[in-house]
Amino acid sequence: MAHVRRFAGIPMSKSMREICKEEDYVFLAKEGDPGTCEQDVDLSQDEWRGRREERIQRKLEREQREQQRLREVERERKEKDEQWRRHVAELASKQEETLRDRALRLRDFRKKVLVEELGRDPACTREMVHQLLMRM
């Protein structure tokens, strides 16, 4: 209750005085001691500068980590893109090879059928069969 008497000069309602605790008035105690106040201000400014520098340092570290993470994500994206392109190229190559094989088999089959068909026809000469096969 000493704080009530000590800070009685502060205009405040009775109900507010009951709510307030001594810790609420601690800042007023510093006003009476000017030497301590200047030291506290110097200390608090030093602390403030130190904290500010720490905050700046943490911010820079966060930004560096974020940039590193973005570079890593970009590298992974490029790697996946390259893998996908290789995969598609392999599929296209296999499909092309399969189509060539099918085309060759079809041509051979058509030759075989043509030779059989024309071979039965007595009017066809060997030279005509050869010309038809060359056109294919």
N, C-alpha and C. Protein backbone atom coordinates (compact mmCIF):
# COMPACT_ATOMS: atom_id res chain seq x y z
N MET A 1 0.80 -1.19 0.00
CA MET A 1 0.00 0.00 0.00
C MET A 1 0.85 1.26 0.00
N ALA A 2 2.17 1.08 0.11
CA ALA A 2 3.04 2.24 0.10
C ALA A 2 2.97 2.95 -1.24
N HIS A 3 2.75 2.22 -2.27
CA HIS A 3 2.69 2.85 -3.59
C HIS A 3 1.46 3.75 -3.71
N VAL A 4 0.40 3.44 -2.96
CA VAL A 4 -0.81 4.28 -3.01
C VAL A 4 -0.50 5.65 -2.43
N ARG A 5 0.21 5.67 -1.31
CA ARG A 5 0.56 6.95 -0.70
C ARG A 5 1.61 7.69 -1.54
N ARG A 6 2.54 6.96 -2.06
CA ARG A 6 3.64 7.56 -2.80
C ARG A 6 3.15 8.25 -4.07
N PHE A 7 2.17 7.66 -4.74
CA PHE A 7 1.68 8.21 -5.99
C PHE A 7 0.25 8.72 -5.87
N ALA A 8 -0.07 9.26 -4.70
CA ALA A 8 -1.41 9.78 -4.47
C ALA A 8 -1.71 11.01 -5.30
N GLY A 9 -0.67 11.70 -5.73
CA GLY A 9 -0.85 12.92 -6.51
C GLY A 9 -1.29 12.64 -7.95
N ILE A 10 -1.27 11.42 -8.37
CA ILE A 10 -1.69 11.09 -9.74
C ILE A 10 -3.21 11.04 -9.78
N PRO A 11 -3.83 11.84 -10.62
CA PRO A 11 -5.30 11.82 -10.68
C PRO A 11 -5.78 10.49 -11.25
N MET A 12 -6.64 9.83 -10.46
CA MET A 12 -7.12 8.52 -10.85
C MET A 12 -8.36 8.21 -10.00
N SER A 13 -9.27 7.48 -10.56
CA SER A 13 -10.46 7.12 -9.78
C SER A 13 -10.10 6.07 -8.74
N LYS A 14 -10.95 5.94 -7.73
CA LYS A 14 -10.70 4.98 -6.66
C LYS A 14 -10.68 3.55 -7.19
N SER A 15 -11.61 3.25 -8.07
CA SER A 15 -11.65 1.88 -8.60
C SER A 15 -10.39 1.58 -9.42
N MET A 16 -9.89 2.58 -10.11
CA MET A 16 -8.68 2.39 -10.91
C MET A 16 -7.49 2.19 -10.00
N ARG A 17 -7.43 2.93 -8.89
CA ARG A 17 -6.33 2.76 -7.94
C ARG A 17 -6.29 1.35 -7.38
N GLU A 18 -7.44 0.77 -7.16
CA GLU A 18 -7.49 -0.59 -6.63
C GLU A 18 -6.98 -1.59 -7.66
N ILE A 19 -7.26 -1.30 -8.90
CA ILE A 19 -6.84 -2.24 -9.96
C ILE A 19 -5.33 -2.18 -10.19
N CYS A 20 -4.78 -0.97 -10.12
CA CYS A 20 -3.36 -0.78 -10.41
C CYS A 20 -2.50 -1.40 -9.32
N LYS A 21 -1.38 -1.90 -9.74
CA LYS A 21 -0.42 -2.50 -8.81
C LYS A 21 0.82 -1.62 -8.78
N GLU A 22 1.69 -1.96 -7.87
CA GLU A 22 2.91 -1.17 -7.73
C GLU A 22 3.75 -1.22 -9.00
N GLU A 23 3.72 -2.35 -9.72
CA GLU A 23 4.52 -2.47 -10.95
C GLU A 23 4.08 -1.45 -11.99
N ASP A 24 2.82 -1.04 -11.92
CA ASP A 24 2.31 -0.07 -12.88
C ASP A 24 2.94 1.30 -12.67
N TYR A 25 3.44 1.56 -11.48
CA TYR A 25 4.01 2.87 -11.15
C TYR A 25 5.53 2.88 -11.18
N VAL A 26 6.15 1.77 -11.52
CA VAL A 26 7.60 1.68 -11.46
C VAL A 26 8.26 2.73 -12.35
N PHE A 27 7.69 3.00 -13.49
CA PHE A 27 8.29 3.98 -14.40
C PHE A 27 8.33 5.37 -13.78
N LEU A 28 7.41 5.65 -12.86
CA LEU A 28 7.41 6.97 -12.22
C LEU A 28 8.54 7.10 -11.21
N ALA A 29 8.98 6.01 -10.65
CA ALA A 29 10.05 6.05 -9.67
C ALA A 29 11.36 6.50 -10.32
N LYS A 30 11.54 6.25 -11.57
CA LYS A 30 12.76 6.62 -12.25
C LYS A 30 12.85 8.12 -12.48
N GLU A 31 11.75 8.79 -12.51
CA GLU A 31 11.77 10.24 -12.73
C GLU A 31 12.46 10.98 -11.60
N GLY A 32 12.40 10.46 -10.41
CA GLY A 32 12.98 11.14 -9.26
C GLY A 32 14.49 11.05 -9.23
N ASP A 33 15.14 10.08 -9.93
CA ASP A 33 16.58 9.88 -9.90
C ASP A 33 17.15 10.12 -11.30
N PRO A 34 17.60 11.37 -11.57
CA PRO A 34 18.04 11.71 -12.93
C PRO A 34 19.30 10.96 -13.38
N GLY A 35 20.23 10.66 -12.52
CA GLY A 35 21.46 9.94 -12.89
C GLY A 35 21.14 8.54 -13.36
N THR A 36 20.26 7.90 -12.65
CA THR A 36 19.87 6.54 -13.01
C THR A 36 19.13 6.54 -14.33
N CYS A 37 18.35 7.57 -14.53
CA CYS A 37 17.53 7.67 -15.74
C CYS A 37 18.43 7.76 -16.97
N GLU A 38 19.48 8.59 -16.93
CA GLU A 38 20.38 8.73 -18.07
C GLU A 38 21.10 7.42 -18.34
N GLN A 39 21.52 6.75 -17.26
CA GLN A 39 22.19 5.46 -17.44
C GLN A 39 21.22 4.45 -18.04
N ASP A 40 19.99 4.48 -17.54
CA ASP A 40 18.99 3.56 -18.08
C ASP A 40 18.71 3.87 -19.55
N VAL A 41 18.67 5.15 -19.88
CA VAL A 41 18.43 5.53 -21.27
C VAL A 41 19.59 5.05 -22.14
N ASP A 42 20.83 5.27 -21.64
CA ASP A 42 22.00 4.80 -22.39
C ASP A 42 21.96 3.29 -22.55
N LEU A 43 21.66 2.60 -21.43
CA LEU A 43 21.59 1.15 -21.49
C LEU A 43 20.46 0.71 -22.42
N SER A 44 19.34 1.37 -22.29
CA SER A 44 18.22 0.95 -23.12
C SER A 44 18.51 1.25 -24.59
N GLN A 45 19.22 2.37 -24.88
CA GLN A 45 19.59 2.65 -26.27
C GLN A 45 20.58 1.62 -26.79
N ASP A 46 21.54 1.25 -25.92
CA ASP A 46 22.50 0.22 -26.30
C ASP A 46 21.78 -1.11 -26.53
N GLU A 47 20.88 -1.42 -25.61
CA GLU A 47 20.11 -2.66 -25.77
C GLU A 47 19.27 -2.59 -27.04
N TRP A 48 18.68 -1.43 -27.26
CA TRP A 48 17.84 -1.26 -28.44
C TRP A 48 18.66 -1.45 -29.72
N ARG A 49 19.85 -0.83 -29.74
CA ARG A 49 20.73 -0.99 -30.91
C ARG A 49 21.13 -2.45 -31.09
N GLY A 50 21.49 -3.09 -29.97
CA GLY A 50 21.87 -4.50 -30.03
C GLY A 50 20.73 -5.36 -30.56
N ARG A 51 19.54 -5.12 -30.04
CA ARG A 51 18.38 -5.88 -30.50
C ARG A 51 18.08 -5.60 -31.96
N ARG A 52 18.23 -4.33 -32.33
CA ARG A 52 17.98 -3.96 -33.72
C ARG A 52 18.97 -4.67 -34.64
N GLU A 53 20.23 -4.68 -34.25
CA GLU A 53 21.25 -5.38 -35.04
C GLU A 53 20.95 -6.88 -35.12
N GLU A 54 20.51 -7.45 -34.01
CA GLU A 54 20.14 -8.86 -34.00
C GLU A 54 18.97 -9.12 -34.95
N ARG A 55 17.97 -8.22 -34.90
CA ARG A 55 16.82 -8.37 -35.80
C ARG A 55 17.25 -8.28 -37.26
N ILE A 56 18.12 -7.31 -37.54
CA ILE A 56 18.61 -7.15 -38.92
C ILE A 56 19.37 -8.40 -39.35
N GLN A 57 20.22 -8.91 -38.44
CA GLN A 57 21.00 -10.11 -38.75
C GLN A 57 20.08 -11.30 -39.00
N ARG A 58 19.06 -11.47 -38.15
CA ARG A 58 18.11 -12.58 -38.34
C ARG A 58 17.35 -12.43 -39.65
N LYS A 59 17.00 -11.20 -39.98
CA LYS A 59 16.27 -10.94 -41.24
C LYS A 59 17.15 -11.31 -42.43
N LEU A 60 18.42 -10.91 -42.38
CA LEU A 60 19.33 -11.25 -43.47
C LEU A 60 19.50 -12.76 -43.60
N GLU A 61 19.63 -13.43 -42.45
CA GLU A 61 19.75 -14.89 -42.47
C GLU A 61 18.51 -15.54 -43.06
N ARG A 62 17.33 -15.03 -42.67
CA ARG A 62 16.08 -15.56 -43.23
C ARG A 62 16.02 -15.37 -44.74
N GLU A 63 16.42 -14.18 -45.19
CA GLU A 63 16.41 -13.89 -46.62
C GLU A 63 17.38 -14.80 -47.36
N GLN A 64 18.56 -15.04 -46.78
CA GLN A 64 19.53 -15.94 -47.41
C GLN A 64 18.99 -17.36 -47.48
N ARG A 65 18.36 -17.82 -46.38
CA ARG A 65 17.77 -19.16 -46.39
C ARG A 65 16.68 -19.26 -47.44
N GLU A 66 15.86 -18.22 -47.55
CA GLU A 66 14.77 -18.22 -48.53
C GLU A 66 15.33 -18.24 -49.95
N GLN A 67 16.38 -17.44 -50.19
CA GLN A 67 17.00 -17.45 -51.52
C GLN A 67 17.60 -18.81 -51.83
N GLN A 68 18.24 -19.42 -50.85
CA GLN A 68 18.82 -20.75 -51.03
C GLN A 68 17.72 -21.77 -51.32
N ARG A 69 16.61 -21.66 -50.59
CA ARG A 69 15.49 -22.57 -50.81
C ARG A 69 14.92 -22.39 -52.22
N LEU A 70 14.79 -21.14 -52.66
CA LEU A 70 14.28 -20.87 -54.00
C LEU A 70 15.22 -21.41 -55.08
N ARG A 71 16.54 -21.25 -54.85
CA ARG A 71 17.50 -21.81 -55.81
C ARG A 71 17.38 -23.33 -55.86
N GLU A 72 17.22 -23.95 -54.70
CA GLU A 72 17.07 -25.41 -54.63
C GLU A 72 15.80 -25.86 -55.35
N VAL A 73 14.71 -25.15 -55.13
CA VAL A 73 13.44 -25.49 -55.79
C VAL A 73 13.59 -25.35 -57.31
N GLU A 74 14.25 -24.28 -57.73
CA GLU A 74 14.45 -24.06 -59.17
C GLU A 74 15.33 -25.16 -59.77
N ARG A 75 16.38 -25.54 -59.05
CA ARG A 75 17.27 -26.61 -59.52
C ARG A 75 16.50 -27.92 -59.65
N GLU A 76 15.69 -28.24 -58.63
CA GLU A 76 14.90 -29.47 -58.68
C GLU A 76 13.90 -29.43 -59.84
N ARG A 77 13.30 -28.25 -60.07
CA ARG A 77 12.34 -28.12 -61.16
C ARG A 77 13.03 -28.36 -62.51
N LYS A 78 14.22 -27.77 -62.67
CA LYS A 78 14.96 -27.97 -63.91
C LYS A 78 15.35 -29.43 -64.09
N GLU A 79 15.76 -30.06 -63.00
CA GLU A 79 16.15 -31.47 -63.06
C GLU A 79 14.96 -32.34 -63.46
N LYS A 80 13.81 -32.11 -62.87
CA LYS A 80 12.61 -32.87 -63.22
C LYS A 80 12.20 -32.61 -64.67
N ASP A 81 12.32 -31.36 -65.10
CA ASP A 81 11.99 -31.01 -66.48
C ASP A 81 12.91 -31.76 -67.44
N GLU A 82 14.20 -31.81 -67.12
CA GLU A 82 15.17 -32.52 -67.95
C GLU A 82 14.86 -34.02 -67.97
N GLN A 83 14.53 -34.59 -66.82
CA GLN A 83 14.16 -36.00 -66.77
C GLN A 83 12.93 -36.27 -67.64
N TRP A 84 11.95 -35.37 -67.56
CA TRP A 84 10.73 -35.53 -68.35
C TRP A 84 11.05 -35.48 -69.85
N ARG A 85 11.90 -34.55 -70.25
CA ARG A 85 12.27 -34.43 -71.66
C ARG A 85 12.99 -35.69 -72.14
N ARG A 86 13.91 -36.21 -71.33
CA ARG A 86 14.59 -37.45 -71.70
C ARG A 86 13.59 -38.59 -71.85
N HIS A 87 12.66 -38.68 -70.91
CA HIS A 87 11.65 -39.73 -70.94
C HIS A 87 10.81 -39.62 -72.22
N VAL A 88 10.36 -38.42 -72.54
CA VAL A 88 9.54 -38.21 -73.74
C VAL A 88 10.36 -38.54 -74.99
N ALA A 89 11.63 -38.15 -75.02
CA ALA A 89 12.48 -38.44 -76.17
C ALA A 89 12.66 -39.95 -76.34
N GLU A 90 12.84 -40.67 -75.24
CA GLU A 90 12.95 -42.13 -75.31
C GLU A 90 11.67 -42.75 -75.85
N LEU A 91 10.53 -42.29 -75.34
CA LEU A 91 9.25 -42.81 -75.82
C LEU A 91 9.07 -42.53 -77.31
N ALA A 92 9.40 -41.33 -77.73
CA ALA A 92 9.27 -40.97 -79.14
C ALA A 92 10.18 -41.83 -80.00
N SER A 93 11.40 -42.06 -79.53
CA SER A 93 12.35 -42.89 -80.27
C SER A 93 11.83 -44.32 -80.41
N LYS A 94 11.33 -44.86 -79.33
CA LYS A 94 10.79 -46.23 -79.36
C LYS A 94 9.59 -46.31 -80.30
N GLN A 95 8.73 -45.32 -80.22
CA GLN A 95 7.54 -45.31 -81.08
C GLN A 95 7.95 -45.19 -82.55
N GLU A 96 8.92 -44.35 -82.83
CA GLU A 96 9.40 -44.19 -84.20
C GLU A 96 9.98 -45.50 -84.73
N GLU A 97 10.76 -46.16 -83.90
CA GLU A 97 11.35 -47.44 -84.28
C GLU A 97 10.27 -48.49 -84.54
N THR A 98 9.27 -48.51 -83.69
CA THR A 98 8.16 -49.46 -83.85
C THR A 98 7.41 -49.17 -85.15
N LEU A 99 7.17 -47.90 -85.44
CA LEU A 99 6.47 -47.55 -86.68
C LEU A 99 7.30 -47.93 -87.91
N ARG A 100 8.60 -47.74 -87.87
CA ARG A 100 9.47 -48.15 -88.99
C ARG A 100 9.40 -49.66 -89.20
N ASP A 101 9.47 -50.41 -88.09
CA ASP A 101 9.38 -51.86 -88.19
C ASP A 101 8.04 -52.29 -88.79
N ARG A 102 6.98 -51.68 -88.36
CA ARG A 102 5.65 -52.02 -88.90
C ARG A 102 5.56 -51.68 -90.39
N ALA A 103 6.11 -50.52 -90.76
CA ALA A 103 6.09 -50.13 -92.17
C ALA A 103 6.86 -51.12 -93.03
N LEU A 104 8.02 -51.56 -92.54
CA LEU A 104 8.81 -52.55 -93.28
C LEU A 104 8.05 -53.87 -93.42
N ARG A 105 7.45 -54.31 -92.32
CA ARG A 105 6.68 -55.57 -92.38
C ARG A 105 5.51 -55.44 -93.34
N LEU A 106 4.83 -54.29 -93.31
CA LEU A 106 3.70 -54.08 -94.21
C LEU A 106 4.15 -54.09 -95.67
N ARG A 107 5.27 -53.41 -95.95
CA ARG A 107 5.79 -53.39 -97.31
C ARG A 107 6.16 -54.79 -97.78
N ASP A 108 6.83 -55.54 -96.91
CA ASP A 108 7.19 -56.92 -97.26
C ASP A 108 5.94 -57.76 -97.51
N PHE A 109 4.93 -57.56 -96.67
CA PHE A 109 3.69 -58.32 -96.85
C PHE A 109 3.02 -57.95 -98.17
N ARG A 110 2.99 -56.66 -98.46
CA ARG A 110 2.36 -56.21 -99.72
C ARG A 110 3.13 -56.76 -100.92
N LYS A 111 4.45 -56.78 -100.84
CA LYS A 111 5.26 -57.36 -101.93
C LYS A 111 4.91 -58.82 -102.13
N LYS A 112 4.85 -59.53 -101.03
CA LYS A 112 4.57 -60.95 -101.08
C LYS A 112 3.20 -61.20 -101.72
N VAL A 113 2.19 -60.44 -101.29
CA VAL A 113 0.84 -60.60 -101.83
C VAL A 113 0.82 -60.22 -103.30
N LEU A 114 1.48 -59.15 -103.68
CA LEU A 114 1.52 -58.71 -105.07
C LEU A 114 2.19 -59.74 -105.96
N VAL A 115 3.31 -60.26 -105.49
CA VAL A 115 4.03 -61.28 -106.27
C VAL A 115 3.14 -62.50 -106.45
N GLU A 116 2.46 -62.89 -105.39
CA GLU A 116 1.57 -64.05 -105.50
C GLU A 116 0.43 -63.79 -106.48
N GLU A 117 -0.17 -62.58 -106.37
CA GLU A 117 -1.30 -62.23 -107.24
C GLU A 117 -0.86 -62.13 -108.71
N LEU A 118 0.25 -61.44 -108.94
CA LEU A 118 0.71 -61.24 -110.31
C LEU A 118 1.35 -62.50 -110.87
N GLY A 119 1.91 -63.29 -110.02
CA GLY A 119 2.52 -64.55 -110.47
C GLY A 119 1.50 -65.51 -111.02
N ARG A 120 0.28 -65.44 -110.59
CA ARG A 120 -0.79 -66.31 -111.06
C ARG A 120 -1.33 -65.84 -112.42
N ASP A 121 -1.19 -64.55 -112.67
CA ASP A 121 -1.73 -63.98 -113.91
C ASP A 121 -0.71 -64.20 -115.03
N PRO A 122 -1.09 -64.96 -116.05
CA PRO A 122 -0.13 -65.25 -117.12
C PRO A 122 0.20 -64.00 -117.97
N ALA A 123 -0.68 -63.01 -117.98
CA ALA A 123 -0.45 -61.83 -118.82
C ALA A 123 0.64 -60.93 -118.23
N CYS A 124 0.90 -61.03 -116.94
CA CYS A 124 1.92 -60.19 -116.28
C CYS A 124 3.30 -60.77 -116.54
N THR A 125 4.16 -59.89 -116.93
CA THR A 125 5.54 -60.33 -117.12
C THR A 125 6.33 -60.04 -115.85
N ARG A 126 7.46 -60.62 -115.85
CA ARG A 126 8.33 -60.41 -114.69
C ARG A 126 8.73 -58.94 -114.59
N GLU A 127 8.89 -58.31 -115.69
CA GLU A 127 9.28 -56.90 -115.72
C GLU A 127 8.18 -56.02 -115.13
N MET A 128 6.95 -56.30 -115.36
CA MET A 128 5.83 -55.55 -114.80
C MET A 128 5.78 -55.69 -113.28
N VAL A 129 6.04 -56.91 -112.80
CA VAL A 129 6.06 -57.14 -111.36
C VAL A 129 7.18 -56.33 -110.73
N HIS A 130 8.33 -56.31 -111.38
CA HIS A 130 9.46 -55.57 -110.85
C HIS A 130 9.15 -54.05 -110.81
N GLN A 131 8.53 -53.53 -111.82
CA GLN A 131 8.15 -52.11 -111.86
C GLN A 131 7.16 -51.77 -110.76
N LEU A 132 6.18 -52.62 -110.53
CA LEU A 132 5.21 -52.38 -109.46
C LEU A 132 5.88 -52.40 -108.09
N LEU A 133 6.78 -53.33 -107.93
CA LEU A 133 7.49 -53.39 -106.64
C LEU A 133 8.39 -52.17 -106.44
N MET A 134 8.96 -51.65 -107.49
CA MET A 134 9.80 -50.47 -107.36
C MET A 134 8.98 -49.24 -106.98
N ARG A 135 7.76 -49.17 -107.46
CA ARG A 135 6.88 -48.05 -107.12
C ARG A 135 6.51 -48.06 -105.64
N MET A 136 6.45 -49.21 -105.08
CA MET A 136 6.08 -49.32 -103.67
C MET A 136 7.25 -48.81 -102.85
